[in-house]
């Protein structure tokens, strides 16, 4: 808010709830990656998600992975 940013990148549930309460526009990492894929800034989303899960320890449910990949046509 102090920076008057257009978007807050955040994945934590409590942080998202706080942002929503304060009227701050936010997006998670997966949402950002989906937008990048839809704009053809990423050739494929699946390898990025797999790397996040396996190499970075990023938790994302199998159901969400399937939905996201379906949304981008992968």
N, C-alpha and C. Protein backbone atom coordinates (compact mmCIF):
# COMPACT_ATOMS: atom_id res chain seq x y z
N UNK A 1 0.83 -1.18 0.00
CA UNK A 1 0.00 0.00 0.00
C UNK A 1 0.87 1.25 0.00
N UNK A 2 1.97 1.20 0.75
CA UNK A 2 2.88 2.35 0.78
C UNK A 2 3.52 2.59 -0.57
N UNK A 3 3.71 1.52 -1.32
CA UNK A 3 4.33 1.64 -2.64
C UNK A 3 3.31 1.93 -3.72
N UNK A 4 2.04 1.86 -3.38
CA UNK A 4 0.96 2.06 -4.34
C UNK A 4 1.10 1.08 -5.52
N UNK A 5 1.42 -0.17 -5.18
CA UNK A 5 1.61 -1.20 -6.20
C UNK A 5 0.28 -1.59 -6.81
N UNK A 6 0.33 -2.03 -8.04
CA UNK A 6 -0.87 -2.49 -8.75
C UNK A 6 -1.29 -3.89 -8.33
N UNK A 7 -0.33 -4.70 -7.88
CA UNK A 7 -0.60 -6.10 -7.61
C UNK A 7 0.35 -6.62 -6.54
N UNK A 8 -0.19 -7.43 -5.63
CA UNK A 8 0.60 -8.11 -4.62
C UNK A 8 0.70 -9.57 -5.00
N UNK A 9 1.92 -10.10 -5.09
CA UNK A 9 2.13 -11.51 -5.40
C UNK A 9 2.26 -12.24 -4.07
N UNK A 10 1.28 -13.10 -3.75
CA UNK A 10 1.27 -13.79 -2.46
C UNK A 10 0.50 -15.09 -2.58
N UNK A 11 1.00 -16.11 -1.88
CA UNK A 11 0.36 -17.41 -1.92
C UNK A 11 -0.23 -17.82 -0.57
N UNK A 12 0.22 -17.26 0.52
CA UNK A 12 -0.25 -17.67 1.83
C UNK A 12 -1.69 -17.25 2.07
N UNK A 13 -2.47 -18.18 2.59
CA UNK A 13 -3.91 -17.96 2.80
C UNK A 13 -4.18 -16.75 3.71
N UNK A 14 -3.48 -16.66 4.83
CA UNK A 14 -3.73 -15.56 5.76
C UNK A 14 -3.37 -14.22 5.12
N UNK A 15 -2.28 -14.20 4.38
CA UNK A 15 -1.89 -12.98 3.68
C UNK A 15 -2.90 -12.58 2.62
N UNK A 16 -3.45 -13.54 1.92
CA UNK A 16 -4.49 -13.25 0.92
C UNK A 16 -5.74 -12.68 1.58
N UNK A 17 -6.12 -13.27 2.71
CA UNK A 17 -7.28 -12.78 3.44
C UNK A 17 -7.07 -11.34 3.89
N UNK A 18 -5.87 -11.05 4.37
CA UNK A 18 -5.55 -9.68 4.79
C UNK A 18 -5.59 -8.72 3.61
N UNK A 19 -5.02 -9.15 2.49
CA UNK A 19 -5.02 -8.30 1.29
C UNK A 19 -6.44 -8.02 0.84
N UNK A 20 -7.27 -9.06 0.85
CA UNK A 20 -8.66 -8.88 0.44
C UNK A 20 -9.37 -7.91 1.38
N UNK A 21 -9.14 -8.06 2.65
CA UNK A 21 -9.77 -7.18 3.64
C UNK A 21 -9.35 -5.72 3.42
N UNK A 22 -8.11 -5.53 3.02
CA UNK A 22 -7.59 -4.17 2.80
C UNK A 22 -7.88 -3.65 1.40
N UNK A 23 -8.48 -4.47 0.56
CA UNK A 23 -8.79 -4.03 -0.79
C UNK A 23 -7.59 -4.02 -1.72
N UNK A 24 -6.58 -4.82 -1.39
CA UNK A 24 -5.37 -4.90 -2.21
C UNK A 24 -5.55 -6.00 -3.25
N UNK A 25 -5.27 -5.70 -4.49
CA UNK A 25 -5.35 -6.69 -5.55
C UNK A 25 -4.17 -7.64 -5.42
N UNK A 26 -4.45 -8.95 -5.45
CA UNK A 26 -3.40 -9.93 -5.26
C UNK A 26 -3.56 -11.08 -6.26
N UNK A 27 -2.47 -11.82 -6.38
CA UNK A 27 -2.46 -12.99 -7.25
C UNK A 27 -1.40 -13.94 -6.70
N UNK A 28 -1.62 -15.24 -6.85
CA UNK A 28 -0.63 -16.23 -6.47
C UNK A 28 0.31 -16.53 -7.61
N UNK A 29 1.36 -17.27 -7.29
CA UNK A 29 2.36 -17.62 -8.30
C UNK A 29 1.75 -18.42 -9.44
N UNK A 30 0.88 -19.36 -9.12
CA UNK A 30 0.27 -20.18 -10.18
C UNK A 30 -0.57 -19.30 -11.11
N UNK A 31 -1.32 -18.37 -10.55
CA UNK A 31 -2.10 -17.45 -11.38
C UNK A 31 -1.21 -16.62 -12.30
N UNK A 32 -0.08 -16.20 -11.78
CA UNK A 32 0.88 -15.44 -12.59
C UNK A 32 1.43 -16.30 -13.72
N UNK A 33 1.75 -17.55 -13.41
CA UNK A 33 2.27 -18.45 -14.44
C UNK A 33 1.21 -18.76 -15.50
N UNK A 34 -0.03 -18.90 -15.08
CA UNK A 34 -1.12 -19.13 -16.04
C UNK A 34 -1.22 -17.95 -16.99
N UNK A 35 -1.16 -16.74 -16.46
CA UNK A 35 -1.22 -15.56 -17.33
C UNK A 35 -0.05 -15.53 -18.30
N UNK A 36 1.13 -15.88 -17.81
CA UNK A 36 2.32 -15.90 -18.68
C UNK A 36 2.14 -16.92 -19.81
N UNK A 37 1.58 -18.08 -19.47
CA UNK A 37 1.35 -19.12 -20.49
C UNK A 37 0.29 -18.67 -21.50
N UNK A 38 -0.77 -18.05 -21.01
CA UNK A 38 -1.83 -17.57 -21.90
C UNK A 38 -1.35 -16.48 -22.84
N UNK A 39 -0.34 -15.75 -22.42
CA UNK A 39 0.23 -14.69 -23.26
C UNK A 39 1.42 -15.18 -24.08
N UNK A 40 1.62 -16.50 -24.09
CA UNK A 40 2.72 -17.13 -24.82
C UNK A 40 4.10 -16.68 -24.37
N UNK A 41 4.21 -16.32 -23.09
CA UNK A 41 5.51 -15.98 -22.52
C UNK A 41 6.21 -17.23 -21.99
N UNK A 42 5.45 -18.30 -21.80
CA UNK A 42 5.98 -19.62 -21.44
C UNK A 42 5.54 -20.60 -22.52
N UNK A 43 6.45 -21.40 -23.05
CA UNK A 43 6.03 -22.37 -24.07
C UNK A 43 5.16 -23.47 -23.49
N UNK A 44 5.45 -23.87 -22.25
CA UNK A 44 4.66 -24.90 -21.56
C UNK A 44 4.63 -24.58 -20.07
N UNK A 45 3.50 -24.88 -19.45
CA UNK A 45 3.36 -24.64 -18.02
C UNK A 45 3.71 -25.87 -17.19
N UNK A 46 3.44 -27.05 -17.71
CA UNK A 46 3.66 -28.29 -16.96
C UNK A 46 5.09 -28.41 -16.40
N UNK A 47 6.13 -28.19 -17.21
CA UNK A 47 7.49 -28.34 -16.66
C UNK A 47 7.80 -27.33 -15.55
N UNK A 48 7.23 -26.17 -15.65
CA UNK A 48 7.46 -25.15 -14.62
C UNK A 48 6.81 -25.58 -13.31
N UNK A 49 5.58 -26.07 -13.39
CA UNK A 49 4.89 -26.53 -12.19
C UNK A 49 5.61 -27.73 -11.59
N UNK A 50 6.06 -28.66 -12.43
CA UNK A 50 6.78 -29.82 -11.93
C UNK A 50 8.08 -29.41 -11.24
N UNK A 51 8.79 -28.44 -11.80
CA UNK A 51 10.02 -27.96 -11.18
C UNK A 51 9.73 -27.28 -9.84
N UNK A 52 8.65 -26.51 -9.79
CA UNK A 52 8.27 -25.88 -8.53
C UNK A 52 8.00 -26.93 -7.46
N UNK A 53 7.28 -27.97 -7.84
CA UNK A 53 6.93 -29.03 -6.88
C UNK A 53 8.15 -29.85 -6.47
N UNK A 54 8.95 -30.29 -7.43
CA UNK A 54 10.03 -31.22 -7.14
C UNK A 54 11.31 -30.55 -6.66
N UNK A 55 11.65 -29.41 -7.23
CA UNK A 55 12.92 -28.77 -6.89
C UNK A 55 12.79 -27.71 -5.82
N UNK A 56 11.67 -26.99 -5.84
CA UNK A 56 11.51 -25.88 -4.89
C UNK A 56 10.64 -26.26 -3.69
N UNK A 57 10.00 -27.42 -3.74
CA UNK A 57 9.16 -27.84 -2.63
C UNK A 57 7.85 -27.07 -2.53
N UNK A 58 7.41 -26.49 -3.63
CA UNK A 58 6.17 -25.71 -3.67
C UNK A 58 5.00 -26.67 -3.61
N UNK A 59 4.08 -26.47 -2.67
CA UNK A 59 2.94 -27.36 -2.53
C UNK A 59 1.78 -26.86 -3.37
N UNK A 60 1.28 -27.76 -4.21
CA UNK A 60 0.09 -27.49 -5.02
C UNK A 60 -0.61 -28.83 -5.21
N UNK A 61 -1.89 -28.86 -4.98
CA UNK A 61 -2.63 -30.13 -5.05
C UNK A 61 -2.66 -30.66 -6.48
N UNK A 62 -2.77 -31.99 -6.58
CA UNK A 62 -2.88 -32.61 -7.90
C UNK A 62 -4.11 -32.10 -8.65
N UNK A 63 -5.20 -31.90 -7.91
CA UNK A 63 -6.44 -31.41 -8.54
C UNK A 63 -6.24 -30.03 -9.13
N UNK A 64 -5.54 -29.16 -8.42
CA UNK A 64 -5.30 -27.81 -8.93
C UNK A 64 -4.37 -27.86 -10.14
N UNK A 65 -3.37 -28.71 -10.08
CA UNK A 65 -2.46 -28.85 -11.24
C UNK A 65 -3.26 -29.26 -12.47
N UNK A 66 -4.11 -30.25 -12.33
CA UNK A 66 -4.91 -30.71 -13.47
C UNK A 66 -5.82 -29.62 -14.00
N UNK A 67 -6.46 -28.86 -13.08
CA UNK A 67 -7.36 -27.79 -13.51
C UNK A 67 -6.60 -26.69 -14.25
N UNK A 68 -5.46 -26.31 -13.70
CA UNK A 68 -4.65 -25.24 -14.30
C UNK A 68 -4.15 -25.67 -15.68
N UNK A 69 -3.65 -26.88 -15.78
CA UNK A 69 -3.15 -27.35 -17.08
C UNK A 69 -4.28 -27.48 -18.10
N UNK A 70 -5.43 -27.88 -17.64
CA UNK A 70 -6.60 -27.94 -18.53
C UNK A 70 -7.00 -26.55 -19.00
N UNK A 71 -6.94 -25.59 -18.10
CA UNK A 71 -7.30 -24.20 -18.43
C UNK A 71 -6.42 -23.63 -19.54
N UNK A 72 -5.15 -24.05 -19.57
CA UNK A 72 -4.23 -23.52 -20.59
C UNK A 72 -4.05 -24.48 -21.76
N UNK A 73 -4.85 -25.55 -21.77
CA UNK A 73 -4.83 -26.47 -22.90
C UNK A 73 -3.67 -27.43 -22.93
N UNK A 74 -3.15 -27.77 -21.76
CA UNK A 74 -2.04 -28.75 -21.72
C UNK A 74 -2.53 -30.05 -21.14
